[in-house]
Amino acid sequence: MDNGDRSGAGAGAVGSAGSLGLRVGQAVFSSASLLFMSVGVEFFSYTAFCFLVTIMGLVIPWSCTLAMIDVYSVLVGCPLRVPGVMVIIVVGDCALSIVSFAAACSSAAVIDLLLQFHGSHCSPSFCGRYQLSAMMAFLSWFLMAASAIFNLWFIASRW
């Protein structure tokens, strides 16, 4: 099935320009989430925020590594077609997608709880940063889930 991609890979599968865009977006949103959360020193007081920082710290190198593979594949014109490697990428994408969604949801819930106390436990500047961090984590999760679905679809259609 030809979808117009010169490399022959699926639209968002590893080794395509679409995948490169998704990976760069994941890295940017994860880095922004980590930055907004780390600006305030008080995030250590809440387990959900520590969980978010840990997961975003895992998503960034994963996305950057796969983005480098995508850059190489796009420039050379030789997409990654090794079944075992594709399965590892899909499993990694699915696992990180699930835990990044959990981290974003738990952080958003804690922020909502802190705001219901009318800011008595969270200063407005910190709560605003935490909200931005959770929003960036949700955007990163969305792109990670899209990558997982595209790669799973590619594997299912090829093998």
N, C-alpha and C. Protein backbone atom coordinates (compact mmCIF):
# COMPACT_ATOMS: atom_id res chain seq x y z
N MET A 1 0.84 -1.16 0.00
CA MET A 1 0.00 0.00 0.00
C MET A 1 0.90 1.23 0.00
N ASP A 2 0.80 2.06 -1.01
CA ASP A 2 1.64 3.24 -1.13
C ASP A 2 0.89 4.44 -0.57
N ASN A 3 1.46 5.06 0.43
CA ASN A 3 0.83 6.21 1.05
C ASN A 3 1.55 7.51 0.71
N GLY A 4 2.41 7.49 -0.26
CA GLY A 4 3.10 8.70 -0.68
C GLY A 4 4.41 8.94 0.03
N ASP A 5 4.75 8.11 1.00
CA ASP A 5 6.00 8.28 1.73
C ASP A 5 7.12 7.60 0.94
N ARG A 6 8.17 8.33 0.61
CA ARG A 6 9.25 7.81 -0.23
C ARG A 6 9.97 6.63 0.40
N SER A 7 10.04 6.58 1.71
CA SER A 7 10.80 5.53 2.36
C SER A 7 10.09 4.19 2.35
N GLY A 8 8.81 4.17 2.07
CA GLY A 8 8.06 2.93 2.04
C GLY A 8 7.52 2.53 3.40
N ALA A 9 7.85 3.27 4.43
CA ALA A 9 7.33 2.98 5.76
C ALA A 9 5.95 3.60 5.89
N GLY A 10 5.22 3.19 6.93
CA GLY A 10 3.91 3.77 7.18
C GLY A 10 4.03 5.25 7.51
N ALA A 11 2.91 5.94 7.49
CA ALA A 11 2.90 7.40 7.66
C ALA A 11 3.60 7.86 8.94
N GLY A 12 3.41 7.15 10.03
CA GLY A 12 4.05 7.54 11.28
C GLY A 12 4.95 6.47 11.85
N ALA A 13 5.22 5.44 11.04
CA ALA A 13 6.06 4.34 11.52
C ALA A 13 7.52 4.78 11.57
N VAL A 14 8.30 4.10 12.38
CA VAL A 14 9.71 4.42 12.54
C VAL A 14 10.39 4.44 11.18
N GLY A 15 11.18 5.45 10.96
CA GLY A 15 11.91 5.58 9.70
C GLY A 15 11.25 6.52 8.72
N SER A 16 10.16 7.15 9.09
CA SER A 16 9.46 8.07 8.19
C SER A 16 9.53 9.50 8.73
N ALA A 17 9.24 10.44 7.86
CA ALA A 17 9.23 11.85 8.27
C ALA A 17 8.12 12.11 9.29
N GLY A 18 7.01 11.40 9.17
CA GLY A 18 5.92 11.55 10.14
C GLY A 18 6.35 11.12 11.53
N SER A 19 7.08 10.03 11.59
CA SER A 19 7.59 9.55 12.87
C SER A 19 8.57 10.56 13.46
N LEU A 20 9.39 11.15 12.62
CA LEU A 20 10.34 12.16 13.09
C LEU A 20 9.60 13.33 13.72
N GLY A 21 8.53 13.77 13.08
CA GLY A 21 7.73 14.86 13.64
C GLY A 21 7.10 14.51 14.97
N LEU A 22 6.59 13.28 15.06
CA LEU A 22 6.00 12.83 16.33
C LEU A 22 7.06 12.76 17.43
N ARG A 23 8.23 12.24 17.10
CA ARG A 23 9.30 12.10 18.11
C ARG A 23 9.82 13.46 18.58
N VAL A 24 9.97 14.38 17.66
CA VAL A 24 10.43 15.73 18.04
C VAL A 24 9.38 16.38 18.94
N GLY A 25 8.10 16.22 18.59
CA GLY A 25 7.04 16.77 19.42
C GLY A 25 7.03 16.15 20.81
N GLN A 26 7.24 14.84 20.89
CA GLN A 26 7.31 14.18 22.19
C GLN A 26 8.44 14.73 23.03
N ALA A 27 9.59 14.89 22.42
CA ALA A 27 10.77 15.39 23.16
C ALA A 27 10.54 16.82 23.62
N VAL A 28 9.96 17.65 22.76
CA VAL A 28 9.72 19.06 23.11
C VAL A 28 8.71 19.17 24.25
N PHE A 29 7.57 18.47 24.13
CA PHE A 29 6.55 18.56 25.18
C PHE A 29 7.01 17.92 26.49
N SER A 30 7.75 16.83 26.42
CA SER A 30 8.27 16.20 27.63
C SER A 30 9.28 17.11 28.32
N SER A 31 10.14 17.74 27.52
CA SER A 31 11.13 18.67 28.08
C SER A 31 10.43 19.87 28.71
N ALA A 32 9.40 20.37 28.05
CA ALA A 32 8.66 21.51 28.62
C ALA A 32 7.98 21.11 29.92
N SER A 33 7.39 19.92 29.95
CA SER A 33 6.75 19.45 31.17
C SER A 33 7.76 19.33 32.31
N LEU A 34 8.90 18.77 32.00
CA LEU A 34 9.96 18.63 33.00
C LEU A 34 10.45 19.99 33.47
N LEU A 35 10.61 20.92 32.56
CA LEU A 35 11.07 22.26 32.90
C LEU A 35 10.07 22.98 33.80
N PHE A 36 8.79 22.96 33.42
CA PHE A 36 7.78 23.65 34.23
C PHE A 36 7.66 23.03 35.62
N MET A 37 7.80 21.72 35.71
CA MET A 37 7.69 21.07 37.02
C MET A 37 8.93 21.32 37.87
N SER A 38 10.08 21.40 37.26
CA SER A 38 11.33 21.53 38.00
C SER A 38 11.64 22.95 38.42
N VAL A 39 10.93 23.93 37.86
CA VAL A 39 11.19 25.33 38.23
C VAL A 39 10.88 25.54 39.71
N GLY A 40 9.81 24.92 40.20
CA GLY A 40 9.45 25.02 41.62
C GLY A 40 10.13 23.92 42.40
N VAL A 41 10.75 24.26 43.50
CA VAL A 41 11.45 23.28 44.31
C VAL A 41 10.46 22.44 45.11
N GLU A 42 9.24 22.91 45.27
CA GLU A 42 8.26 22.26 46.13
C GLU A 42 7.66 20.99 45.54
N PHE A 43 7.99 20.63 44.31
CA PHE A 43 7.34 19.45 43.72
C PHE A 43 7.74 18.16 44.41
N PHE A 44 8.83 18.13 45.17
CA PHE A 44 9.25 16.93 45.88
C PHE A 44 8.27 16.53 46.97
N SER A 45 7.41 17.45 47.37
CA SER A 45 6.46 17.17 48.44
C SER A 45 5.32 16.26 48.00
N TYR A 46 5.14 16.10 46.70
CA TYR A 46 4.00 15.34 46.18
C TYR A 46 4.50 14.20 45.30
N THR A 47 4.09 12.99 45.63
CA THR A 47 4.53 11.80 44.91
C THR A 47 4.14 11.84 43.44
N ALA A 48 2.96 12.34 43.14
CA ALA A 48 2.50 12.39 41.75
C ALA A 48 3.42 13.27 40.90
N PHE A 49 3.90 14.36 41.47
CA PHE A 49 4.80 15.24 40.73
C PHE A 49 6.16 14.57 40.52
N CYS A 50 6.63 13.86 41.53
CA CYS A 50 7.89 13.11 41.38
C CYS A 50 7.75 12.04 40.31
N PHE A 51 6.60 11.39 40.26
CA PHE A 51 6.31 10.38 39.25
C PHE A 51 6.34 11.01 37.85
N LEU A 52 5.74 12.18 37.71
CA LEU A 52 5.73 12.87 36.43
C LEU A 52 7.15 13.23 35.99
N VAL A 53 7.95 13.73 36.90
CA VAL A 53 9.33 14.09 36.58
C VAL A 53 10.12 12.85 36.15
N THR A 54 9.92 11.75 36.84
CA THR A 54 10.62 10.51 36.50
C THR A 54 10.23 10.01 35.11
N ILE A 55 8.94 10.00 34.82
CA ILE A 55 8.47 9.50 33.53
C ILE A 55 8.90 10.41 32.40
N MET A 56 8.80 11.71 32.58
CA MET A 56 9.24 12.63 31.52
C MET A 56 10.75 12.51 31.31
N GLY A 57 11.47 12.20 32.39
CA GLY A 57 12.90 11.94 32.26
C GLY A 57 13.21 10.68 31.48
N LEU A 58 12.28 9.74 31.42
CA LEU A 58 12.45 8.54 30.60
C LEU A 58 11.99 8.77 29.16
N VAL A 59 10.96 9.56 28.98
CA VAL A 59 10.41 9.80 27.64
C VAL A 59 11.39 10.59 26.78
N ILE A 60 12.09 11.55 27.37
CA ILE A 60 12.99 12.41 26.60
C ILE A 60 14.09 11.61 25.90
N PRO A 61 14.88 10.77 26.59
CA PRO A 61 15.91 10.02 25.86
C PRO A 61 15.33 9.00 24.88
N TRP A 62 14.19 8.39 25.22
CA TRP A 62 13.55 7.44 24.31
C TRP A 62 13.17 8.14 23.00
N SER A 63 12.52 9.28 23.12
CA SER A 63 12.08 10.01 21.93
C SER A 63 13.26 10.56 21.13
N CYS A 64 14.26 11.06 21.82
CA CYS A 64 15.43 11.61 21.11
C CYS A 64 16.20 10.51 20.38
N THR A 65 16.33 9.34 21.00
CA THR A 65 17.02 8.23 20.34
C THR A 65 16.28 7.79 19.09
N LEU A 66 14.96 7.64 19.20
CA LEU A 66 14.19 7.23 18.03
C LEU A 66 14.12 8.35 16.98
N ALA A 67 14.20 9.60 17.40
CA ALA A 67 14.26 10.70 16.43
C ALA A 67 15.57 10.63 15.64
N MET A 68 16.67 10.28 16.30
CA MET A 68 17.94 10.14 15.57
C MET A 68 17.86 8.99 14.56
N ILE A 69 17.20 7.90 14.93
CA ILE A 69 17.00 6.80 13.99
C ILE A 69 16.15 7.26 12.81
N ASP A 70 15.13 8.05 13.09
CA ASP A 70 14.27 8.57 12.02
C ASP A 70 15.04 9.51 11.09
N VAL A 71 15.87 10.37 11.65
CA VAL A 71 16.67 11.28 10.83
C VAL A 71 17.57 10.48 9.90
N TYR A 72 18.24 9.48 10.45
CA TYR A 72 19.12 8.64 9.63
C TYR A 72 18.32 7.93 8.54
N SER A 73 17.19 7.36 8.90
CA SER A 73 16.37 6.63 7.93
C SER A 73 15.84 7.53 6.83
N VAL A 74 15.44 8.74 7.19
CA VAL A 74 14.92 9.67 6.18
C VAL A 74 16.04 10.15 5.27
N LEU A 75 17.20 10.47 5.84
CA LEU A 75 18.31 10.96 5.02
C LEU A 75 18.88 9.89 4.10
N VAL A 76 19.02 8.68 4.62
CA VAL A 76 19.59 7.58 3.84
C VAL A 76 18.53 6.97 2.92
N GLY A 77 17.28 7.05 3.31
CA GLY A 77 16.20 6.48 2.51
C GLY A 77 16.01 5.00 2.76
N CYS A 78 16.50 4.51 3.88
CA CYS A 78 16.40 3.09 4.23
C CYS A 78 15.67 2.97 5.56
N PRO A 79 14.35 2.74 5.54
CA PRO A 79 13.61 2.65 6.80
C PRO A 79 13.94 1.39 7.58
N LEU A 80 13.70 1.45 8.86
CA LEU A 80 13.93 0.32 9.75
C LEU A 80 12.86 -0.73 9.49
N ARG A 81 13.26 -1.94 9.10
CA ARG A 81 12.30 -2.99 8.78
C ARG A 81 12.57 -4.30 9.51
N VAL A 82 13.35 -4.27 10.55
CA VAL A 82 13.68 -5.48 11.30
C VAL A 82 12.52 -5.77 12.27
N PRO A 83 11.85 -6.92 12.11
CA PRO A 83 10.67 -7.21 12.92
C PRO A 83 10.92 -7.17 14.42
N GLY A 84 12.01 -7.73 14.89
CA GLY A 84 12.30 -7.74 16.32
C GLY A 84 12.48 -6.35 16.89
N VAL A 85 13.15 -5.50 16.15
CA VAL A 85 13.36 -4.12 16.60
C VAL A 85 12.04 -3.36 16.61
N MET A 86 11.22 -3.57 15.61
CA MET A 86 9.91 -2.90 15.56
C MET A 86 9.04 -3.31 16.75
N VAL A 87 9.10 -4.57 17.12
CA VAL A 87 8.31 -5.04 18.27
C VAL A 87 8.80 -4.37 19.55
N ILE A 88 10.12 -4.25 19.71
CA ILE A 88 10.67 -3.58 20.89
C ILE A 88 10.22 -2.12 20.93
N ILE A 89 10.23 -1.46 19.78
CA ILE A 89 9.79 -0.06 19.72
C ILE A 89 8.32 0.06 20.07
N VAL A 90 7.49 -0.84 19.57
CA VAL A 90 6.05 -0.79 19.88
C VAL A 90 5.81 -1.05 21.37
N VAL A 91 6.49 -2.03 21.93
CA VAL A 91 6.33 -2.32 23.36
C VAL A 91 6.80 -1.12 24.19
N GLY A 92 7.94 -0.53 23.83
CA GLY A 92 8.42 0.65 24.54
C GLY A 92 7.48 1.83 24.42
N ASP A 93 6.96 2.06 23.22
CA ASP A 93 5.99 3.15 23.03
C ASP A 93 4.73 2.93 23.84
N CYS A 94 4.22 1.69 23.82
CA CYS A 94 2.99 1.40 24.58
C CYS A 94 3.21 1.55 26.08
N ALA A 95 4.31 1.03 26.58
CA ALA A 95 4.60 1.13 28.01
C ALA A 95 4.78 2.58 28.44
N LEU A 96 5.57 3.33 27.69
CA LEU A 96 5.78 4.74 28.05
C LEU A 96 4.50 5.56 27.86
N SER A 97 3.70 5.19 26.90
CA SER A 97 2.43 5.89 26.70
C SER A 97 1.51 5.70 27.90
N ILE A 98 1.43 4.48 28.38
CA ILE A 98 0.56 4.19 29.52
C ILE A 98 1.04 4.91 30.78
N VAL A 99 2.34 4.82 31.07
CA VAL A 99 2.83 5.44 32.30
C VAL A 99 2.85 6.97 32.20
N SER A 100 3.06 7.51 30.99
CA SER A 100 3.01 8.97 30.87
C SER A 100 1.58 9.48 31.03
N PHE A 101 0.60 8.71 30.56
CA PHE A 101 -0.80 9.08 30.78
C PHE A 101 -1.13 9.02 32.27
N ALA A 102 -0.66 7.99 32.94
CA ALA A 102 -0.89 7.86 34.38
C ALA A 102 -0.25 9.01 35.15
N ALA A 103 0.97 9.38 34.76
CA ALA A 103 1.66 10.48 35.44
C ALA A 103 0.95 11.81 35.20
N ALA A 104 0.51 12.04 33.97
CA ALA A 104 -0.19 13.29 33.66
C ALA A 104 -1.52 13.36 34.41
N CYS A 105 -2.25 12.25 34.45
CA CYS A 105 -3.54 12.22 35.17
C CYS A 105 -3.36 12.42 36.67
N SER A 106 -2.38 11.74 37.24
CA SER A 106 -2.18 11.87 38.68
C SER A 106 -1.72 13.28 39.05
N SER A 107 -0.88 13.87 38.22
CA SER A 107 -0.44 15.25 38.49
C SER A 107 -1.60 16.22 38.36
N ALA A 108 -2.43 16.03 37.34
CA ALA A 108 -3.59 16.91 37.17
C ALA A 108 -4.55 16.77 38.35
N ALA A 109 -4.72 15.56 38.86
CA ALA A 109 -5.60 15.36 40.01
C ALA A 109 -5.06 16.05 41.26
N VAL A 110 -3.75 15.95 41.48
CA VAL A 110 -3.16 16.61 42.65
C VAL A 110 -3.27 18.12 42.52
N ILE A 111 -3.04 18.64 41.32
CA ILE A 111 -3.16 20.08 41.11
C ILE A 111 -4.59 20.53 41.38
N ASP A 112 -5.57 19.77 40.89
CA ASP A 112 -6.97 20.11 41.13
C ASP A 112 -7.29 20.10 42.62
N LEU A 113 -6.76 19.11 43.33
CA LEU A 113 -6.96 19.03 44.77
C LEU A 113 -6.33 20.23 45.48
N LEU A 114 -5.12 20.60 45.07
CA LEU A 114 -4.45 21.76 45.68
C LEU A 114 -5.22 23.04 45.42
N LEU A 115 -5.78 23.18 44.23
CA LEU A 115 -6.53 24.39 43.91
C LEU A 115 -7.87 24.44 44.63
N GLN A 116 -8.44 23.29 44.99
CA GLN A 116 -9.70 23.28 45.73
C GLN A 116 -9.51 23.80 47.15
N PHE A 117 -8.29 23.76 47.64
CA PHE A 117 -8.01 24.31 48.96
C PHE A 117 -7.73 25.81 48.88
N HIS A 118 -8.13 26.42 47.77
CA HIS A 118 -8.01 27.87 47.55
C HIS A 118 -6.59 28.37 47.67
N GLY A 119 -5.64 27.56 47.22
CA GLY A 119 -4.25 27.98 47.17
C GLY A 119 -3.54 27.98 48.51
N SER A 120 -4.16 27.43 49.55
CA SER A 120 -3.49 27.45 50.85
C SER A 120 -2.28 26.50 50.88
N HIS A 121 -2.26 25.50 50.01
CA HIS A 121 -1.14 24.57 49.97
C HIS A 121 -0.23 24.80 48.77
N CYS A 122 -0.62 25.70 47.90
CA CYS A 122 0.14 25.90 46.66
C CYS A 122 0.03 27.37 46.25
N SER A 123 1.16 28.03 46.13
CA SER A 123 1.11 29.43 45.71
C SER A 123 0.66 29.50 44.25
N PRO A 124 0.02 30.59 43.85
CA PRO A 124 -0.49 30.69 42.48
C PRO A 124 0.59 30.52 41.40
N SER A 125 1.79 30.99 41.67
CA SER A 125 2.84 30.85 40.65
C SER A 125 3.25 29.39 40.48
N PHE A 126 3.35 28.65 41.60
CA PHE A 126 3.70 27.24 41.50
C PHE A 126 2.57 26.42 40.90
N CYS A 127 1.33 26.69 41.31
CA CYS A 127 0.19 25.94 40.76
C CYS A 127 0.06 26.17 39.26
N GLY A 128 0.32 27.39 38.80
CA GLY A 128 0.28 27.67 37.37
C GLY A 128 1.35 26.88 36.61
N ARG A 129 2.52 26.81 37.19
CA ARG A 129 3.60 26.02 36.56
C ARG A 129 3.25 24.54 36.54
N TYR A 130 2.68 24.05 37.63
CA TYR A 130 2.30 22.65 37.70
C TYR A 130 1.21 22.33 36.68
N GLN A 131 0.27 23.26 36.49
CA GLN A 131 -0.78 23.06 35.48
C GLN A 131 -0.18 23.00 34.08
N LEU A 132 0.74 23.91 33.79
CA LEU A 132 1.41 23.87 32.48
C LEU A 132 2.18 22.58 32.28
N SER A 133 2.82 22.11 33.33
CA SER A 133 3.57 20.86 33.24
C SER A 133 2.64 19.68 32.94
N ALA A 134 1.51 19.62 33.61
CA ALA A 134 0.55 18.54 33.35
C ALA A 134 0.00 18.63 31.93
N MET A 135 -0.27 19.84 31.47
CA MET A 135 -0.77 20.01 30.10
C MET A 135 0.26 19.53 29.08
N MET A 136 1.52 19.89 29.27
CA MET A 136 2.57 19.44 28.37
C MET A 136 2.74 17.92 28.42
N ALA A 137 2.55 17.34 29.60
CA ALA A 137 2.63 15.88 29.73
C ALA A 137 1.50 15.21 28.95
N PHE A 138 0.30 15.79 28.98
CA PHE A 138 -0.81 15.24 28.21
C PHE A 138 -0.53 15.33 26.70
N LEU A 139 0.04 16.44 26.26
CA LEU A 139 0.37 16.58 24.84
C LEU A 139 1.44 15.56 24.43
N SER A 140 2.43 15.37 25.29
CA SER A 140 3.46 14.37 25.02
C SER A 140 2.85 12.97 24.96
N TRP A 141 1.93 12.68 25.88
CA TRP A 141 1.27 11.37 25.87
C TRP A 141 0.50 11.16 24.58
N PHE A 142 -0.21 12.18 24.11
CA PHE A 142 -0.99 12.05 22.89
C PHE A 142 -0.09 11.68 21.71
N LEU A 143 1.05 12.34 21.59
CA LEU A 143 1.98 12.02 20.50
C LEU A 143 2.61 10.65 20.68
N MET A 144 2.88 10.26 21.92
CA MET A 144 3.44 8.93 22.19
C MET A 144 2.42 7.85 21.82
N ALA A 145 1.16 8.06 22.17
CA ALA A 145 0.13 7.08 21.83
C ALA A 145 -0.04 6.98 20.31
N ALA A 146 0.04 8.12 19.63
CA ALA A 146 -0.05 8.10 18.17
C ALA A 146 1.11 7.31 17.56
N SER A 147 2.31 7.49 18.09
CA SER A 147 3.46 6.73 17.61
C SER A 147 3.26 5.24 17.82
N ALA A 148 2.77 4.87 18.99
CA ALA A 148 2.54 3.46 19.28
C ALA A 148 1.51 2.87 18.32
N ILE A 149 0.44 3.59 18.06
CA ILE A 149 -0.60 3.10 17.17
C ILE A 149 -0.08 2.97 15.74
N PHE A 150 0.64 3.98 15.26
CA PHE A 150 1.18 3.93 13.90
C PHE A 150 2.15 2.76 13.73
N ASN A 151 3.02 2.56 14.70
CA ASN A 151 3.99 1.47 14.61
C ASN A 151 3.32 0.11 14.73
N LEU A 152 2.32 -0.01 15.60
CA LEU A 152 1.58 -1.26 15.72
C LEU A 152 0.84 -1.57 14.42
N TRP A 153 0.26 -0.54 13.83
CA TRP A 153 -0.44 -0.70 12.56
C TRP A 153 0.54 -1.14 11.47
N PHE A 154 1.72 -0.56 11.47
CA PHE A 154 2.73 -0.93 10.48
C PHE A 154 3.13 -2.39 10.63
N ILE A 155 3.35 -2.83 11.86
CA ILE A 155 3.72 -4.23 12.10
C ILE A 155 2.58 -5.16 11.66
N ALA A 156 1.37 -4.81 12.02
CA ALA A 156 0.22 -5.66 11.67
C ALA A 156 0.01 -5.76 10.17
N SER A 157 0.32 -4.69 9.45
CA SER A 157 0.11 -4.71 8.00
C SER A 157 1.25 -5.39 7.25
N ARG A 158 2.42 -5.51 7.87
CA ARG A 158 3.59 -6.09 7.18
C ARG A 158 3.80 -7.57 7.51
N TRP A 159 3.46 -7.97 8.75
CA TRP A 159 3.78 -9.34 9.14
C TRP A 159 2.55 -10.06 9.59
